[in-house]
Protein backbone atom coordinates (compact mmCIF):
# COMPACT_ATOMS: atom_id res chain seq x y z
CA MET A 1 -0.03 0.08 -0.37
CA SER A 2 1.29 3.27 -1.02
CA ASN A 3 2.36 6.00 1.79
CA VAL A 4 -1.12 7.45 3.15
CA LEU A 5 1.07 9.04 6.13
CA PRO A 6 0.86 12.92 5.29
CA VAL A 7 4.11 14.58 5.18
CA LEU A 8 4.04 18.32 7.23
CA ASP A 9 6.31 21.15 6.99
CA LEU A 10 6.89 22.65 10.42
CA ARG A 11 8.28 25.68 8.16
CA ASP A 12 5.07 26.13 7.04
CA ALA A 13 3.77 27.40 10.41
CA ASP A 14 5.51 30.82 10.08
CA ARG A 15 4.92 31.40 6.24
CA GLY A 16 2.43 33.82 6.48
CA PRO A 17 -1.30 33.76 7.35
CA SER A 18 -2.46 31.38 4.13
CA THR A 19 -0.04 28.57 4.56
CA ARG A 20 -0.39 28.64 8.18
CA ALA A 21 -4.09 27.93 7.92
CA ASP A 22 -3.49 25.66 5.53
CA PHE A 23 -0.70 23.85 7.56
CA LEU A 24 -3.45 24.00 10.73
CA ALA A 25 -5.96 22.37 8.40
CA GLU A 26 -3.69 19.61 7.63
CA LEU A 27 -2.13 18.75 10.81
CA ARG A 28 -5.91 18.68 12.43
CA ALA A 29 -6.56 16.16 9.80
CA ALA A 30 -3.71 14.12 10.62
CA VAL A 31 -4.29 13.98 14.55
CA HIS A 32 -7.29 13.67 14.48
CA ASP A 33 -8.16 10.89 11.65
CA ILE A 34 -4.65 8.87 11.74
CA GLY A 35 -2.86 10.09 14.60
CA PHE A 36 0.66 9.34 12.57
CA PHE A 37 2.38 12.00 10.47
CA GLN A 38 5.69 12.39 9.01
CA LEU A 39 7.51 15.70 10.16
CA VAL A 40 10.23 17.39 7.75
CA GLY A 41 11.53 21.20 8.05
CA HIS A 42 11.88 20.34 11.93
CA GLY A 43 15.55 22.39 11.88
CA ILE A 44 17.01 19.25 13.42
CA ASP A 45 19.55 18.09 10.64
CA ASN A 46 22.33 15.79 12.26
CA GLY A 47 19.86 12.46 12.36
CA ALA A 48 22.06 10.88 9.96
CA GLU A 49 24.87 11.17 12.83
CA ILE A 50 22.47 10.14 15.44
CA LEU A 51 21.81 6.98 13.66
CA ARG A 52 25.39 6.47 13.38
CA LEU A 53 26.34 7.01 16.59
CA THR A 54 23.10 4.34 17.67
CA GLN A 55 25.10 1.75 15.47
CA SER A 56 28.60 2.22 16.91
CA PHE A 57 26.84 1.71 20.13
CA PHE A 58 25.11 -1.71 19.57
CA ALA A 59 28.99 -2.36 17.61
CA LEU A 60 30.76 -2.32 21.38
CA PRO A 61 31.83 -5.84 22.75
CA GLU A 62 28.87 -7.00 24.63
CA SER A 63 31.22 -7.00 27.79
CA ASP A 64 30.78 -2.90 27.46
CA LEU A 65 27.28 -3.04 27.46
CA ALA A 66 26.87 -5.43 30.23
CA GLU A 67 28.45 -2.85 31.93
CA LEU A 68 25.37 -0.59 31.56
CA SER A 69 22.59 -3.40 32.06
CA ILE A 70 19.56 -1.96 33.05
CA LEU A 71 19.26 -4.38 35.71
CA LYS A 72 21.80 -2.29 37.99
CA SER A 73 19.84 0.87 37.58
CA PRO A 74 16.19 1.14 39.79
CA HIS A 75 15.34 4.11 37.51
CA LEU A 76 15.01 1.89 34.35
CA ARG A 77 18.13 3.52 32.75
CA GLY A 78 20.50 1.71 30.67
CA TYR A 79 21.16 -1.55 28.41
CA SER A 80 18.38 -4.58 27.60
CA GLU A 81 19.49 -7.13 25.80
CA VAL A 82 16.79 -8.94 23.12
CA GLY A 83 13.76 -10.27 24.87
CA ARG A 84 14.24 -8.17 28.32
CA GLU A 85 11.40 -6.08 27.46
CA LEU A 86 8.09 -6.95 27.11
CA THR A 87 4.85 -5.80 25.18
CA LYS A 88 1.39 -8.04 26.27
CA GLY A 89 4.07 -10.78 28.04
CA ALA A 90 5.74 -11.55 24.89
CA PRO A 91 9.58 -10.56 24.68
CA ASP A 92 10.25 -7.85 22.03
CA GLN A 93 13.29 -8.89 19.81
CA ARG A 94 15.32 -5.71 19.91
CA ARG A 95 17.97 -4.16 21.92
CA GLN A 96 18.09 -0.90 23.58
CA LEU A 97 19.71 1.63 25.83
CA ASP A 98 17.26 3.84 27.66
CA ILE A 99 17.60 7.49 28.47
CA GLY A 100 15.81 10.13 30.47
CA PRO A 101 16.52 13.40 31.79
CA GLU A 102 19.94 13.55 34.11
CA ARG A 103 18.70 13.81 37.51
CA ASP A 104 19.80 12.91 41.25
CA PRO A 105 17.80 10.30 42.50
CA SER A 106 14.36 11.45 44.55
CA PRO A 107 14.95 11.27 48.39
CA ALA A 108 13.81 8.11 50.13
CA ASP A 109 10.00 8.78 51.16
CA PRO A 110 7.42 6.07 51.99
CA ASP A 111 4.87 8.56 51.29
CA ALA A 112 5.82 10.04 47.83
CA ALA A 113 4.12 9.51 44.51
CA PRO A 114 5.32 5.38 43.38
CA TYR A 115 6.65 6.58 40.30
CA LEU A 116 9.00 9.28 41.48
CA TRP A 117 11.90 6.43 41.36
CA LEU A 118 11.94 6.90 37.63
CA VAL A 119 14.05 10.07 38.45
CA GLY A 120 17.34 9.62 38.09
CA PRO A 121 20.92 9.19 36.16
CA ASN A 122 21.58 7.57 33.07
CA GLN A 123 24.14 4.99 32.38
CA TRP A 124 26.75 5.95 29.70
CA PRO A 125 29.59 4.00 27.47
CA ALA A 126 32.88 4.96 29.29
CA ALA A 127 33.95 3.94 25.61
CA MET A 128 32.11 6.16 23.77
CA PRO A 129 32.18 9.46 25.53
CA GLU A 130 31.13 11.49 22.55
CA LEU A 131 27.70 9.77 22.85
CA ARG A 132 26.67 11.86 26.01
CA PRO A 133 27.01 15.34 24.68
CA ALA A 134 25.08 14.51 21.57
CA ILE A 135 22.32 13.08 22.94
CA THR A 136 21.99 15.24 25.71
CA ALA A 137 21.95 17.79 22.88
CA ALA A 138 19.50 15.89 20.82
CA MET A 139 16.90 15.51 23.56
CA ASP A 140 16.99 19.40 23.97
CA ALA A 141 16.31 20.26 20.60
CA LEU A 142 13.47 17.64 20.25
CA THR A 143 12.21 18.71 23.26
CA ALA A 144 11.71 22.14 21.79
CA VAL A 145 10.47 20.87 18.67
CA SER A 146 7.69 18.67 20.94
CA HIS A 147 7.02 21.98 22.51
CA ARG A 148 6.08 23.75 19.53
CA LEU A 149 4.30 20.95 17.61
CA LEU A 150 2.11 20.21 20.81
CA ARG A 151 1.38 23.80 21.00
CA LEU A 152 0.44 23.86 17.02
CA ILE A 153 -1.75 20.72 17.87
CA LEU A 154 -3.62 23.15 20.55
CA ALA A 155 -4.23 25.73 17.55
CA ALA A 156 -5.66 23.67 15.12
CA LEU A 157 -7.95 22.25 17.45
CA ASP A 158 -9.38 25.89 18.35
CA ALA A 159 -7.93 25.37 21.80
CA PRO A 160 -5.36 28.35 23.31
CA GLU A 161 -2.14 27.28 22.14
CA ASP A 162 -0.59 27.56 25.73
CA PHE A 163 -3.40 25.53 27.34
CA LEU A 164 -0.99 22.66 28.02
CA ASP A 165 2.02 24.61 29.31
CA PRO A 166 1.21 24.18 33.19
CA ILE A 167 1.66 19.95 32.54
CA VAL A 168 4.80 20.25 30.67
CA SER A 169 6.82 22.86 32.10
CA PRO A 170 9.24 23.81 33.54
CA ASP A 171 10.59 20.01 33.61
CA PRO A 172 9.02 17.31 30.96
CA GLN A 173 9.61 13.87 31.49
CA VAL A 174 11.05 13.01 28.29
CA HIS A 175 12.64 9.62 27.33
CA LEU A 176 14.55 8.42 24.47
CA LYS A 177 15.55 5.50 23.43
CA LEU A 178 18.41 4.06 21.15
CA LEU A 179 16.86 0.67 19.49
CA HIS A 180 18.91 -2.23 17.65
CA TYR A 181 16.54 -4.69 15.72
CA PRO A 182 18.49 -7.65 14.56
CA GLY A 183 17.68 -9.57 12.03
CA ARG A 184 15.71 -12.68 12.30
CA ARG A 185 17.32 -15.98 12.97
CA ALA A 186 17.25 -18.45 9.92
CA GLU A 187 15.63 -21.16 12.41
CA ARG A 188 12.66 -19.03 13.74
CA PRO A 189 11.74 -16.88 10.48
CA ASP A 190 7.88 -16.35 12.28
CA GLU A 191 9.94 -14.90 15.13
CA ASP A 192 8.85 -11.13 13.80
CA GLN A 193 8.09 -9.07 17.01
CA GLY A 194 10.24 -6.38 17.19
CA ILE A 195 8.23 -4.59 19.29
CA GLY A 196 4.32 -5.84 19.80
CA VAL A 197 1.31 -3.90 19.17
CA HIS A 198 0.96 -1.19 21.29
CA LYS A 199 0.28 2.56 22.08
CA ASP A 200 2.42 5.10 23.48
CA TYR A 201 1.79 6.34 26.87
CA GLY A 202 2.25 10.22 26.52
CA LEU A 203 1.61 12.96 24.26
CA LEU A 204 3.97 13.10 21.73
CA THR A 205 6.29 10.40 20.02
CA LEU A 206 9.05 11.42 17.33
CA LEU A 207 10.87 8.68 15.40
CA LEU A 208 14.40 8.46 13.84
CA GLN A 209 14.13 5.76 11.52
CA ASP A 210 16.73 4.40 9.28
CA HIS A 211 15.96 3.49 5.66
CA HIS A 212 14.88 -0.41 6.16
CA GLY A 213 11.62 0.51 7.55
CA GLY A 214 9.75 -1.70 9.92
CA LEU A 215 7.19 0.51 11.36
CA GLN A 216 3.57 -0.47 10.98
CA VAL A 217 0.38 1.36 11.88
CA SER A 218 -2.93 0.01 12.20
CA LEU A 219 -5.76 2.30 10.60
CA THR A 220 -8.22 -0.15 10.85
CA GLU A 221 -9.06 -3.29 13.21
CA GLY A 222 -6.30 -5.90 12.44
CA GLU A 223 -4.93 -3.85 9.46
CA PHE A 224 -1.50 -2.56 9.19
CA ILE A 225 0.36 -0.27 6.86
CA ASP A 226 4.19 0.19 6.59
CA VAL A 227 5.40 3.62 7.57
CA PRO A 228 8.21 4.25 4.67
CA PRO A 229 11.12 6.01 5.53
CA VAL A 230 11.56 9.51 4.49
CA PRO A 231 14.81 11.09 4.29
CA GLY A 232 15.34 13.83 7.12
CA ALA A 233 11.84 13.34 8.74
CA PHE A 234 10.66 12.06 12.18
CA VAL A 235 7.48 10.05 12.20
CA VAL A 236 5.10 11.69 14.76
CA ASN A 237 2.39 9.95 16.63
CA LEU A 238 0.25 10.64 19.53
CA GLY A 239 0.35 9.42 23.24
CA GLU A 240 -2.72 8.22 25.40
CA LEU A 241 -3.05 11.48 27.17
CA LEU A 242 -3.68 13.41 24.21
CA GLU A 243 -6.58 10.86 23.35
CA VAL A 244 -7.78 11.52 27.00
CA ALA A 245 -7.39 15.12 26.79
CA THR A 246 -9.58 15.27 23.78
CA ARG A 247 -12.10 12.71 24.85
CA GLY A 248 -11.15 10.39 21.81
CA TYR A 249 -11.27 13.23 19.19
CA LEU A 250 -7.32 12.64 18.76
CA ARG A 251 -6.09 9.48 18.31
CA ALA A 252 -3.10 7.39 20.18
CA THR A 253 -2.85 4.91 17.42
CA THR A 254 -2.00 1.32 17.71
CA HIS A 255 0.90 0.53 16.26
CA ARG A 256 4.23 -2.00 16.01
CA VAL A 257 7.61 -3.04 14.58
CA VAL A 258 8.14 -6.16 12.58
CA SER A 259 11.39 -7.34 12.41
CA PRO A 260 13.99 -7.66 9.70
CA PRO A 261 14.52 -10.25 7.58
CA ALA A 262 17.53 -12.12 8.38
CA GLY A 263 20.89 -10.64 7.93
CA VAL A 264 19.64 -6.98 7.98
CA ASP A 265 20.05 -4.78 11.33
CA ARG A 266 17.64 -1.93 11.77
CA HIS A 267 18.05 0.84 14.27
CA SER A 268 15.93 4.08 15.20
CA VAL A 269 15.74 6.36 17.94
CA PRO A 270 12.42 7.21 19.34
CA PHE A 271 12.00 10.36 21.30
CA PHE A 272 8.70 10.60 23.78
CA TYR A 273 7.85 13.77 25.00
CA ASN A 274 5.33 13.51 28.06
CA PRO A 275 3.82 15.78 31.03
CA ARG A 276 5.65 16.54 34.04
CA LEU A 277 5.27 12.73 36.38
CA ASP A 278 3.00 14.56 38.97
CA ALA A 279 0.72 16.26 35.98
CA THR A 280 -2.78 15.44 35.25
CA MET A 281 -4.67 16.27 31.87
CA LEU A 282 -7.41 18.45 31.59
CA PRO A 283 -10.17 18.38 29.10
CA LEU A 284 -9.08 20.91 26.08
CA PRO A 285 -11.34 23.64 25.96
CA THR A 286 -12.75 23.44 21.95
CA ARG A 287 -15.63 22.54 20.63
CA ALA A 288 -14.21 19.32 18.86
CA VAL A 289 -13.51 17.94 22.43
CA ARG A 290 -16.75 18.83 24.01
CA ASP A 291 -18.55 16.93 21.33
CA ALA A 292 -16.29 13.60 20.85
CA GLY A 293 -17.46 10.41 21.95
CA GLY A 294 -15.06 9.49 24.56
CA VAL A 295 -11.68 7.29 24.83
CA VAL A 296 -11.56 3.94 23.30
CA HIS A 297 -11.62 1.66 26.07
CA ASP A 298 -9.63 -1.42 26.58
CA PRO A 299 -10.16 -3.55 29.56
CA ASP A 300 -6.40 -4.49 29.50
CA ASN A 301 -5.22 -0.87 29.15
CA PRO A 302 -7.29 1.58 31.12
CA LEU A 303 -6.18 4.91 30.10
CA THR A 304 -6.29 7.29 33.00
CA ASN A 305 -5.45 11.38 33.03
CA SER A 306 -2.53 10.99 35.23
CA TYR A 307 0.86 10.74 33.22
CA GLY A 308 2.81 9.00 36.17
CA ALA A 309 -0.09 6.34 36.67
CA ASN A 310 -0.13 5.58 33.26
CA VAL A 311 3.97 5.55 32.66
CA LEU A 312 4.38 3.52 35.82
CA ARG A 313 1.37 0.88 34.78
CA GLY A 314 3.48 0.65 31.71
CA MET A 315 6.50 -0.22 33.20
CA LEU A 316 4.67 -2.81 35.16
CA ARG A 317 3.69 -4.62 31.98
CA ALA A 318 7.24 -4.01 30.52
CA PHE A 319 9.74 -4.52 32.81
CA PRO A 320 8.30 -7.01 35.37
CA ASP A 321 11.43 -8.84 36.64
CA LEU A 322 12.77 -5.36 36.95
CA ILE A 323 10.19 -4.41 39.33
CA ALA A 324 10.58 -7.09 41.21
CA LEU A 325 14.47 -6.83 41.53
CA HIS A 326 14.08 -3.06 42.43
CA HIS A 327 10.64 -2.32 43.14
CA PRO A 328 8.78 -5.44 44.73
CA GLU A 329 6.18 -3.13 46.49
CA LEU A 330 4.82 -2.20 43.07
CA LEU A 331 4.04 -5.44 41.96
CA GLY A 332 0.66 -5.10 43.04
CA TYR A 333 0.10 -1.37 41.50
CA SER A 334 -2.60 -0.60 39.01
CA SER A 335 -3.70 3.16 38.48
CA ARG A 336 -4.55 3.34 42.38
């Protein structure tokens, strides 16, 4: 199937009233009808270098990577081998490095919110000192683009552009992953779950993918289409909290990644732009939201208006062994 995802140029938002109006109309259609689009003109011109660093990281000796094991981090930062993360109980066939804002751990407090242990330091490879400054700068740039894009989405819905500023300022809970999807094993060609079917937790995801592709989006129940790589573009999709804040008018669309064929290595870098951990979403003050029919109810994934609750519930599903190791008291946590 040909690419049905629109390609939007962020520069059009500043090219005069008529071009801006056309851009906002296209953006509104993309986030309402599909929940995915491709973004160019974002001003981040070192995507190829970020992908090169990603490839170099996963080419490090396994002993170097083991030093960064996510098993050592109570904050779920670090390196995961193939099969460490689960989606709907099945192991994802990818390696990854999880990176968040560089913070000191929260002081121990039995009365603190149970998601505050997500705050903490990252783990960086000693053999690649260039990785930390490059990724830190990329996260800063992606945070700025994401915040601008969020404001434009609100403008496209005729809501005040700054309405969601209080939930992300001054400290959005951003998250970046370096990902490696190895080719399928010759003896298991049907083992193709790069990452299983899911939705993202927060507000916006911006994905840098290499030329191999593999990302698929479900626009109708049970049917998936490929998201072909567009040079220089970030694939943008919406998270569950925007579906909650718009009573289902905006779509947090189901997607997955299919493992590449044997002998092919896929690399990608998703960036997740989220509210502060303690933030609670409010319905957007716009007619489109008031008239919306409500979020899609999934008994296996109940949506809440609390980002901290959403992400903690997701971490419990994705890393149950790590939760049992570092935070066994949370094993019975739901969204209380």
